[in-house]
Amino acid sequence: MNDAIPPSSRPVFRELSLLVARCLLGGVMVVLGLSKALHPVDFLKILQQYGMTENHVVLNGIAAALPWFEIFCGLLLLGGIAVRGTALLSIAMLVPFSAIVLHRALALHESMAIPFCAIRFNCGCGAGEVIICHKLLENGFLILISGLLLTTTPRRWCLRPEMFQRE
């Protein structure tokens, strides 16, 4: 067992850890979503570089909706609303994004014959040009946090439906 934390304070420590994880993930989603939402043309240009689709309507729809959806999910996490469902949506956004970034980085690694961790480009996350190894590690960490929030049920500092029921 963990002797550093007394048994009486373990539930509080657990809930506080979940609060920090929730706020970290929610804050990152809001900040990066706002960065994309405030510069939609730049975000659209980056999405075009990935070659996901040739359909301009679909691409414009993704560029217009995704940043606001990311902000919405971040705000839900910060407010403690639908934490597990929002964590699942976070995973559903982070895993494909990470795979697309990895695919592009591997293509650049092959074509330019430079070390993988030396590859830098604007991946479209909202943080500008990033070192891809760092970005993939960051995304892996955010996926782990999302998985933690998905598999646990935080009780404190969250809005829950039972809070609004009359007795």
N, C-alpha and C. Protein backbone atom coordinates (compact mmCIF):
# COMPACT_ATOMS: atom_id res chain seq x y z
N MET A 1 0.83 -1.19 0.00
CA MET A 1 0.00 0.00 0.00
C MET A 1 0.88 1.25 0.00
N ASN A 2 0.26 2.35 -0.16
CA ASN A 2 0.96 3.64 -0.17
C ASN A 2 0.95 4.21 1.24
N ASP A 3 2.12 4.14 1.90
CA ASP A 3 2.22 4.61 3.28
C ASP A 3 2.41 6.11 3.38
N ALA A 4 2.73 6.77 2.26
CA ALA A 4 2.96 8.22 2.28
C ALA A 4 1.66 8.99 2.50
N ILE A 5 0.54 8.40 2.13
CA ILE A 5 -0.76 9.06 2.28
C ILE A 5 -1.56 8.29 3.33
N PRO A 6 -1.95 8.94 4.42
CA PRO A 6 -2.73 8.24 5.45
C PRO A 6 -4.04 7.71 4.87
N PRO A 7 -4.51 6.56 5.36
CA PRO A 7 -5.75 5.97 4.82
C PRO A 7 -6.95 6.90 4.87
N SER A 8 -7.03 7.75 5.88
CA SER A 8 -8.19 8.64 6.01
C SER A 8 -8.23 9.71 4.94
N SER A 9 -7.09 10.07 4.35
CA SER A 9 -7.08 11.13 3.34
C SER A 9 -6.95 10.60 1.92
N ARG A 10 -6.91 9.28 1.73
CA ARG A 10 -6.79 8.72 0.38
C ARG A 10 -7.96 9.09 -0.53
N PRO A 11 -9.22 9.01 -0.06
CA PRO A 11 -10.31 9.42 -0.96
C PRO A 11 -10.23 10.89 -1.37
N VAL A 12 -9.81 11.75 -0.45
CA VAL A 12 -9.68 13.17 -0.77
C VAL A 12 -8.54 13.36 -1.78
N PHE A 13 -7.44 12.67 -1.57
CA PHE A 13 -6.30 12.75 -2.50
C PHE A 13 -6.71 12.26 -3.88
N ARG A 14 -7.47 11.16 -3.93
CA ARG A 14 -7.93 10.61 -5.21
C ARG A 14 -8.82 11.62 -5.92
N GLU A 15 -9.78 12.18 -5.21
CA GLU A 15 -10.69 13.16 -5.82
C GLU A 15 -9.94 14.41 -6.26
N LEU A 16 -8.97 14.85 -5.48
CA LEU A 16 -8.18 16.02 -5.84
C LEU A 16 -7.33 15.73 -7.09
N SER A 17 -6.79 14.51 -7.17
CA SER A 17 -6.02 14.12 -8.35
C SER A 17 -6.90 14.11 -9.60
N LEU A 18 -8.13 13.61 -9.46
CA LEU A 18 -9.06 13.60 -10.59
C LEU A 18 -9.45 15.01 -10.99
N LEU A 19 -9.59 15.90 -10.01
CA LEU A 19 -9.90 17.30 -10.30
C LEU A 19 -8.77 17.94 -11.10
N VAL A 20 -7.54 17.71 -10.67
CA VAL A 20 -6.38 18.27 -11.37
C VAL A 20 -6.32 17.71 -12.80
N ALA A 21 -6.53 16.40 -12.95
CA ALA A 21 -6.50 15.79 -14.29
C ALA A 21 -7.59 16.38 -15.17
N ARG A 22 -8.78 16.53 -14.60
CA ARG A 22 -9.92 17.08 -15.36
C ARG A 22 -9.65 18.51 -15.79
N CYS A 23 -9.12 19.31 -14.87
CA CYS A 23 -8.84 20.72 -15.19
C CYS A 23 -7.70 20.85 -16.19
N LEU A 24 -6.70 19.99 -16.07
CA LEU A 24 -5.59 20.02 -17.02
C LEU A 24 -6.08 19.69 -18.43
N LEU A 25 -6.80 18.61 -18.57
CA LEU A 25 -7.31 18.21 -19.88
C LEU A 25 -8.29 19.25 -20.42
N GLY A 26 -9.22 19.71 -19.59
CA GLY A 26 -10.19 20.72 -20.01
C GLY A 26 -9.53 22.02 -20.40
N GLY A 27 -8.54 22.45 -19.62
CA GLY A 27 -7.84 23.70 -19.92
C GLY A 27 -7.08 23.62 -21.24
N VAL A 28 -6.41 22.50 -21.47
CA VAL A 28 -5.68 22.32 -22.73
C VAL A 28 -6.66 22.36 -23.90
N MET A 29 -7.80 21.69 -23.75
CA MET A 29 -8.77 21.66 -24.85
C MET A 29 -9.34 23.06 -25.14
N VAL A 30 -9.60 23.83 -24.10
CA VAL A 30 -10.15 25.18 -24.30
C VAL A 30 -9.11 26.07 -24.97
N VAL A 31 -7.89 26.06 -24.47
CA VAL A 31 -6.84 26.94 -25.00
C VAL A 31 -6.53 26.60 -26.46
N LEU A 32 -6.33 25.32 -26.75
CA LEU A 32 -5.99 24.94 -28.12
C LEU A 32 -7.18 25.09 -29.06
N GLY A 33 -8.38 24.84 -28.56
CA GLY A 33 -9.58 25.05 -29.37
C GLY A 33 -9.77 26.51 -29.72
N LEU A 34 -9.55 27.39 -28.73
CA LEU A 34 -9.66 28.84 -29.00
C LEU A 34 -8.62 29.29 -30.01
N SER A 35 -7.42 28.75 -29.90
CA SER A 35 -6.37 29.11 -30.86
C SER A 35 -6.79 28.78 -32.29
N LYS A 36 -7.42 27.63 -32.47
CA LYS A 36 -7.89 27.23 -33.81
C LYS A 36 -9.11 28.05 -34.23
N ALA A 37 -10.02 28.29 -33.29
CA ALA A 37 -11.26 29.02 -33.60
C ALA A 37 -10.98 30.47 -33.97
N LEU A 38 -9.96 31.06 -33.37
CA LEU A 38 -9.63 32.45 -33.65
C LEU A 38 -8.85 32.63 -34.95
N HIS A 39 -8.33 31.53 -35.50
CA HIS A 39 -7.58 31.57 -36.76
C HIS A 39 -8.09 30.46 -37.68
N PRO A 40 -9.36 30.53 -38.09
CA PRO A 40 -9.95 29.42 -38.86
C PRO A 40 -9.31 29.18 -40.22
N VAL A 41 -8.85 30.22 -40.88
CA VAL A 41 -8.24 30.05 -42.20
C VAL A 41 -6.92 29.30 -42.07
N ASP A 42 -6.13 29.65 -41.06
CA ASP A 42 -4.86 28.94 -40.83
C ASP A 42 -5.12 27.47 -40.51
N PHE A 43 -6.14 27.22 -39.69
CA PHE A 43 -6.48 25.84 -39.34
C PHE A 43 -6.93 25.07 -40.57
N LEU A 44 -7.71 25.70 -41.42
CA LEU A 44 -8.17 25.06 -42.66
C LEU A 44 -6.99 24.71 -43.56
N LYS A 45 -6.03 25.61 -43.70
CA LYS A 45 -4.85 25.36 -44.53
C LYS A 45 -4.05 24.15 -44.02
N ILE A 46 -3.94 24.05 -42.69
CA ILE A 46 -3.22 22.92 -42.11
C ILE A 46 -3.98 21.62 -42.36
N LEU A 47 -5.30 21.66 -42.20
CA LEU A 47 -6.10 20.46 -42.47
C LEU A 47 -5.95 20.01 -43.92
N GLN A 48 -5.86 20.96 -44.84
CA GLN A 48 -5.69 20.61 -46.26
C GLN A 48 -4.39 19.87 -46.50
N GLN A 49 -3.35 20.19 -45.72
CA GLN A 49 -2.05 19.53 -45.89
C GLN A 49 -2.10 18.05 -45.56
N TYR A 50 -3.03 17.64 -44.70
CA TYR A 50 -3.14 16.23 -44.33
C TYR A 50 -3.79 15.39 -45.42
N GLY A 51 -4.50 16.02 -46.35
CA GLY A 51 -5.11 15.29 -47.46
C GLY A 51 -6.16 14.28 -47.01
N MET A 52 -6.90 14.59 -45.97
CA MET A 52 -7.91 13.66 -45.44
C MET A 52 -9.07 13.49 -46.40
N THR A 53 -9.44 14.57 -47.06
CA THR A 53 -10.55 14.52 -48.01
C THR A 53 -10.37 15.61 -49.05
N GLU A 54 -10.89 15.35 -50.22
CA GLU A 54 -10.85 16.34 -51.30
C GLU A 54 -12.12 17.18 -51.32
N ASN A 55 -13.12 16.77 -50.57
CA ASN A 55 -14.39 17.46 -50.52
C ASN A 55 -14.25 18.74 -49.68
N HIS A 56 -14.37 19.89 -50.34
CA HIS A 56 -14.16 21.16 -49.65
C HIS A 56 -15.25 21.46 -48.62
N VAL A 57 -16.45 20.98 -48.87
CA VAL A 57 -17.54 21.20 -47.92
C VAL A 57 -17.24 20.47 -46.61
N VAL A 58 -16.80 19.23 -46.72
CA VAL A 58 -16.46 18.45 -45.53
C VAL A 58 -15.28 19.09 -44.80
N LEU A 59 -14.26 19.48 -45.54
CA LEU A 59 -13.08 20.09 -44.94
C LEU A 59 -13.42 21.41 -44.24
N ASN A 60 -14.24 22.23 -44.89
CA ASN A 60 -14.67 23.49 -44.27
C ASN A 60 -15.51 23.22 -43.03
N GLY A 61 -16.35 22.19 -43.09
CA GLY A 61 -17.17 21.83 -41.93
C GLY A 61 -16.32 21.40 -40.75
N ILE A 62 -15.29 20.60 -41.02
CA ILE A 62 -14.38 20.17 -39.95
C ILE A 62 -13.66 21.37 -39.36
N ALA A 63 -13.14 22.24 -40.23
CA ALA A 63 -12.39 23.41 -39.77
C ALA A 63 -13.28 24.37 -38.97
N ALA A 64 -14.55 24.44 -39.32
CA ALA A 64 -15.46 25.36 -38.63
C ALA A 64 -15.97 24.77 -37.31
N ALA A 65 -16.26 23.48 -37.29
CA ALA A 65 -16.91 22.88 -36.12
C ALA A 65 -15.94 22.33 -35.08
N LEU A 66 -14.86 21.72 -35.51
CA LEU A 66 -13.97 21.03 -34.58
C LEU A 66 -13.43 21.91 -33.46
N PRO A 67 -12.94 23.12 -33.74
CA PRO A 67 -12.43 23.94 -32.64
C PRO A 67 -13.51 24.26 -31.59
N TRP A 68 -14.73 24.54 -32.04
CA TRP A 68 -15.79 24.88 -31.10
C TRP A 68 -16.24 23.65 -30.31
N PHE A 69 -16.21 22.49 -30.94
CA PHE A 69 -16.53 21.26 -30.23
C PHE A 69 -15.47 20.98 -29.17
N GLU A 70 -14.22 21.23 -29.52
CA GLU A 70 -13.11 21.05 -28.57
C GLU A 70 -13.27 22.00 -27.38
N ILE A 71 -13.62 23.24 -27.65
CA ILE A 71 -13.85 24.21 -26.58
C ILE A 71 -15.00 23.75 -25.69
N PHE A 72 -16.08 23.31 -26.31
CA PHE A 72 -17.26 22.84 -25.57
C PHE A 72 -16.89 21.68 -24.66
N CYS A 73 -16.15 20.71 -25.18
CA CYS A 73 -15.72 19.57 -24.37
C CYS A 73 -14.82 20.02 -23.22
N GLY A 74 -13.91 20.95 -23.50
CA GLY A 74 -13.05 21.47 -22.45
C GLY A 74 -13.83 22.15 -21.35
N LEU A 75 -14.85 22.92 -21.73
CA LEU A 75 -15.69 23.60 -20.73
C LEU A 75 -16.49 22.59 -19.91
N LEU A 76 -16.97 21.54 -20.55
CA LEU A 76 -17.66 20.48 -19.80
C LEU A 76 -16.74 19.85 -18.76
N LEU A 77 -15.51 19.58 -19.15
CA LEU A 77 -14.55 19.01 -18.20
C LEU A 77 -14.25 19.98 -17.07
N LEU A 78 -14.03 21.23 -17.40
CA LEU A 78 -13.75 22.22 -16.36
C LEU A 78 -14.92 22.36 -15.39
N GLY A 79 -16.13 22.24 -15.90
CA GLY A 79 -17.31 22.35 -15.04
C GLY A 79 -17.69 21.06 -14.36
N GLY A 80 -17.05 19.97 -14.72
CA GLY A 80 -17.37 18.70 -14.12
C GLY A 80 -18.69 18.14 -14.59
N ILE A 81 -19.05 18.42 -15.81
CA ILE A 81 -20.32 17.97 -16.38
C ILE A 81 -20.04 16.86 -17.40
N ALA A 82 -20.71 15.74 -17.24
CA ALA A 82 -20.57 14.61 -18.17
C ALA A 82 -19.10 14.24 -18.38
N VAL A 83 -18.39 14.08 -17.28
CA VAL A 83 -16.93 13.89 -17.33
C VAL A 83 -16.56 12.62 -18.09
N ARG A 84 -17.20 11.52 -17.80
CA ARG A 84 -16.83 10.27 -18.47
C ARG A 84 -17.15 10.31 -19.96
N GLY A 85 -18.30 10.83 -20.33
CA GLY A 85 -18.65 10.94 -21.75
C GLY A 85 -17.72 11.88 -22.49
N THR A 86 -17.37 12.99 -21.84
CA THR A 86 -16.46 13.95 -22.46
C THR A 86 -15.06 13.38 -22.58
N ALA A 87 -14.65 12.57 -21.60
CA ALA A 87 -13.35 11.91 -21.69
C ALA A 87 -13.32 10.94 -22.88
N LEU A 88 -14.43 10.26 -23.10
CA LEU A 88 -14.52 9.36 -24.25
C LEU A 88 -14.42 10.15 -25.56
N LEU A 89 -15.10 11.28 -25.63
CA LEU A 89 -15.01 12.14 -26.83
C LEU A 89 -13.59 12.66 -27.01
N SER A 90 -12.93 12.96 -25.92
CA SER A 90 -11.55 13.43 -25.98
C SER A 90 -10.65 12.36 -26.60
N ILE A 91 -10.83 11.13 -26.16
CA ILE A 91 -10.06 10.02 -26.74
C ILE A 91 -10.39 9.88 -28.22
N ALA A 92 -11.67 10.03 -28.56
CA ALA A 92 -12.10 9.90 -29.96
C ALA A 92 -11.51 11.00 -30.83
N MET A 93 -11.15 12.13 -30.24
CA MET A 93 -10.49 13.19 -31.02
C MET A 93 -8.98 13.02 -31.02
N LEU A 94 -8.39 12.65 -29.87
CA LEU A 94 -6.94 12.59 -29.74
C LEU A 94 -6.30 11.42 -30.49
N VAL A 95 -6.93 10.25 -30.47
CA VAL A 95 -6.31 9.08 -31.10
C VAL A 95 -6.18 9.25 -32.62
N PRO A 96 -7.26 9.61 -33.33
CA PRO A 96 -7.08 9.80 -34.79
C PRO A 96 -6.14 10.95 -35.13
N PHE A 97 -6.21 12.05 -34.35
CA PHE A 97 -5.32 13.17 -34.59
C PHE A 97 -3.87 12.73 -34.42
N SER A 98 -3.57 11.99 -33.37
CA SER A 98 -2.20 11.51 -33.12
C SER A 98 -1.75 10.59 -34.24
N ALA A 99 -2.65 9.73 -34.72
CA ALA A 99 -2.30 8.82 -35.81
C ALA A 99 -2.00 9.58 -37.09
N ILE A 100 -2.78 10.61 -37.38
CA ILE A 100 -2.55 11.41 -38.59
C ILE A 100 -1.22 12.17 -38.49
N VAL A 101 -0.94 12.72 -37.32
CA VAL A 101 0.33 13.44 -37.11
C VAL A 101 1.50 12.47 -37.24
N LEU A 102 1.37 11.29 -36.65
CA LEU A 102 2.43 10.28 -36.75
C LEU A 102 2.65 9.88 -38.20
N HIS A 103 1.58 9.66 -38.94
CA HIS A 103 1.69 9.27 -40.36
C HIS A 103 2.43 10.35 -41.15
N ARG A 104 2.06 11.61 -40.93
CA ARG A 104 2.73 12.70 -41.66
C ARG A 104 4.20 12.81 -41.26
N ALA A 105 4.47 12.64 -39.96
CA ALA A 105 5.86 12.73 -39.49
C ALA A 105 6.70 11.59 -40.06
N LEU A 106 6.14 10.41 -40.13
CA LEU A 106 6.87 9.28 -40.72
C LEU A 106 7.15 9.51 -42.20
N ALA A 107 6.19 10.10 -42.91
CA ALA A 107 6.40 10.41 -44.33
C ALA A 107 7.52 11.44 -44.49
N LEU A 108 7.53 12.46 -43.63
CA LEU A 108 8.61 13.45 -43.68
C LEU A 108 9.95 12.83 -43.32
N HIS A 109 9.94 11.94 -42.36
CA HIS A 109 11.17 11.25 -41.94
C HIS A 109 11.77 10.46 -43.09
N GLU A 110 10.91 9.77 -43.83
CA GLU A 110 11.38 8.99 -44.97
C GLU A 110 11.87 9.87 -46.11
N SER A 111 11.09 10.89 -46.43
CA SER A 111 11.43 11.70 -47.60
C SER A 111 12.61 12.64 -47.36
N MET A 112 12.80 13.10 -46.15
CA MET A 112 13.85 14.07 -45.88
C MET A 112 15.07 13.44 -45.22
N ALA A 113 14.97 12.19 -44.80
CA ALA A 113 16.08 11.46 -44.17
C ALA A 113 16.67 12.23 -42.99
N ILE A 114 15.81 12.75 -42.14
CA ILE A 114 16.27 13.41 -40.91
C ILE A 114 15.79 12.59 -39.72
N PRO A 115 16.46 12.72 -38.58
CA PRO A 115 16.02 11.97 -37.40
C PRO A 115 14.57 12.29 -37.05
N PHE A 116 13.83 11.27 -36.62
CA PHE A 116 12.40 11.44 -36.37
C PHE A 116 12.13 12.55 -35.35
N CYS A 117 12.89 12.58 -34.28
CA CYS A 117 12.64 13.58 -33.23
C CYS A 117 13.13 14.98 -33.60
N ALA A 118 13.73 15.13 -34.77
CA ALA A 118 14.12 16.46 -35.25
C ALA A 118 13.03 17.06 -36.14
N ILE A 119 12.01 16.29 -36.42
CA ILE A 119 10.93 16.77 -37.30
C ILE A 119 10.07 17.77 -36.55
N ARG A 120 9.85 18.90 -37.19
CA ARG A 120 9.01 19.96 -36.64
C ARG A 120 8.06 20.42 -37.73
N PHE A 121 6.81 20.60 -37.35
CA PHE A 121 5.86 21.24 -38.25
C PHE A 121 4.64 21.67 -37.45
N ASN A 122 3.83 22.50 -38.07
CA ASN A 122 2.58 22.93 -37.46
C ASN A 122 1.57 21.82 -37.70
N CYS A 123 1.26 21.08 -36.65
CA CYS A 123 0.40 19.90 -36.79
C CYS A 123 -1.08 20.26 -36.81
N GLY A 124 -1.43 21.49 -36.49
CA GLY A 124 -2.82 21.89 -36.48
C GLY A 124 -3.46 21.83 -35.11
N CYS A 125 -2.67 21.56 -34.10
CA CYS A 125 -3.23 21.44 -32.75
C CYS A 125 -3.56 22.80 -32.14
N GLY A 126 -2.98 23.85 -32.68
CA GLY A 126 -3.23 25.18 -32.16
C GLY A 126 -2.04 25.76 -31.43
N ALA A 127 -0.96 25.00 -31.34
CA ALA A 127 0.23 25.45 -30.62
C ALA A 127 1.33 25.93 -31.55
N GLY A 128 1.05 26.03 -32.84
CA GLY A 128 2.06 26.46 -33.80
C GLY A 128 2.98 25.30 -34.15
N GLU A 129 4.20 25.64 -34.58
CA GLU A 129 5.16 24.61 -34.96
C GLU A 129 5.65 23.89 -33.70
N VAL A 130 5.60 22.57 -33.75
CA VAL A 130 5.98 21.76 -32.59
C VAL A 130 6.99 20.69 -33.01
N ILE A 131 7.77 20.23 -32.05
CA ILE A 131 8.63 19.06 -32.25
C ILE A 131 7.71 17.85 -32.14
N ILE A 132 7.68 17.04 -33.15
CA ILE A 132 6.68 15.98 -33.25
C ILE A 132 6.82 14.95 -32.14
N CYS A 133 8.03 14.60 -31.74
CA CYS A 133 8.18 13.65 -30.63
C CYS A 133 7.53 14.19 -29.37
N HIS A 134 7.71 15.48 -29.11
CA HIS A 134 7.09 16.09 -27.93
C HIS A 134 5.57 16.09 -28.06
N LYS A 135 5.07 16.39 -29.26
CA LYS A 135 3.63 16.43 -29.47
C LYS A 135 3.00 15.06 -29.28
N LEU A 136 3.64 14.03 -29.80
CA LEU A 136 3.11 12.68 -29.64
C LEU A 136 3.13 12.23 -28.18
N LEU A 137 4.17 12.60 -27.44
CA LEU A 137 4.21 12.30 -26.01
C LEU A 137 3.12 13.06 -25.26
N GLU A 138 2.94 14.32 -25.60
CA GLU A 138 1.89 15.13 -24.98
C GLU A 138 0.51 14.52 -25.25
N ASN A 139 0.27 14.13 -26.49
CA ASN A 139 -1.01 13.52 -26.83
C ASN A 139 -1.20 12.19 -26.10
N GLY A 140 -0.13 11.41 -25.98
CA GLY A 140 -0.21 10.17 -25.23
C GLY A 140 -0.58 10.41 -23.78
N PHE A 141 0.00 11.45 -23.19
CA PHE A 141 -0.33 11.83 -21.81
C PHE A 141 -1.79 12.26 -21.69
N LEU A 142 -2.26 13.05 -22.65
CA LEU A 142 -3.66 13.49 -22.63
C LEU A 142 -4.62 12.32 -22.84
N ILE A 143 -4.22 11.35 -23.65
CA ILE A 143 -5.04 10.15 -23.84
C ILE A 143 -5.09 9.35 -22.53
N LEU A 144 -3.96 9.25 -21.83
CA LEU A 144 -3.95 8.56 -20.54
C LEU A 144 -4.85 9.26 -19.52
N ILE A 145 -4.78 10.58 -19.47
CA ILE A 145 -5.65 11.34 -18.57
C ILE A 145 -7.11 11.09 -18.94
N SER A 146 -7.41 11.11 -20.23
CA SER A 146 -8.77 10.85 -20.68
C SER A 146 -9.22 9.46 -20.27
N GLY A 147 -8.33 8.49 -20.42
CA GLY A 147 -8.65 7.12 -20.01
C GLY A 147 -8.90 7.01 -18.52
N LEU A 148 -8.10 7.72 -17.73
CA LEU A 148 -8.31 7.74 -16.28
C LEU A 148 -9.68 8.32 -15.95
N LEU A 149 -10.03 9.43 -16.58
CA LEU A 149 -11.32 10.06 -16.32
C LEU A 149 -12.47 9.20 -16.82
N LEU A 150 -12.23 8.45 -17.87
CA LEU A 150 -13.26 7.57 -18.42
C LEU A 150 -13.54 6.39 -17.49
N THR A 151 -12.51 5.88 -16.85
CA THR A 151 -12.65 4.67 -16.05
C THR A 151 -12.95 4.94 -14.58
N THR A 152 -12.98 6.18 -14.17
CA THR A 152 -13.30 6.51 -12.78
C THR A 152 -14.57 7.35 -12.74
N THR A 153 -15.12 7.43 -11.57
CA THR A 153 -16.32 8.25 -11.39
C THR A 153 -16.03 9.28 -10.31
N PRO A 154 -15.61 10.47 -10.71
CA PRO A 154 -15.35 11.49 -9.71
C PRO A 154 -16.65 11.91 -9.02
N ARG A 155 -16.58 12.13 -7.74
CA ARG A 155 -17.77 12.49 -6.98
C ARG A 155 -17.75 13.96 -6.56
N ARG A 156 -16.61 14.43 -6.14
CA ARG A 156 -16.52 15.81 -5.67
C ARG A 156 -16.22 16.76 -6.82
N TRP A 157 -16.62 17.98 -6.65
CA TRP A 157 -16.32 19.07 -7.57
C TRP A 157 -16.84 18.80 -8.98
N CYS A 158 -17.94 18.06 -9.08
CA CYS A 158 -18.59 17.80 -10.36
C CYS A 158 -20.07 18.09 -10.23
N LEU A 159 -20.66 18.54 -11.31
CA LEU A 159 -22.11 18.70 -11.33
C LEU A 159 -22.71 17.38 -11.78
N ARG A 160 -23.64 16.87 -11.00
CA ARG A 160 -24.27 15.59 -11.30
C ARG A 160 -25.78 15.78 -11.28
N PRO A 161 -26.52 14.96 -12.05
CA PRO A 161 -27.97 15.11 -12.10
C PRO A 161 -28.64 15.00 -10.73
N GLU A 162 -28.12 14.12 -9.86
CA GLU A 162 -28.75 13.96 -8.56
C GLU A 162 -28.67 15.21 -7.68
N MET A 163 -27.77 16.12 -8.04
CA MET A 163 -27.64 17.37 -7.29
C MET A 163 -28.88 18.25 -7.50
N PHE A 164 -29.58 18.06 -8.60
CA PHE A 164 -30.70 18.91 -8.95
C PHE A 164 -32.06 18.28 -8.67
N GLN A 165 -32.05 17.07 -8.13
CA GLN A 165 -33.31 16.39 -7.83
C GLN A 165 -33.87 16.87 -6.50
N ARG A 166 -35.17 17.04 -6.46
CA ARG A 166 -35.84 17.44 -5.22
C ARG A 166 -36.14 16.21 -4.39
N GLU A 167 -36.13 16.41 -3.11
CA GLU A 167 -36.46 15.30 -2.20
C GLU A 167 -37.91 15.28 -1.85
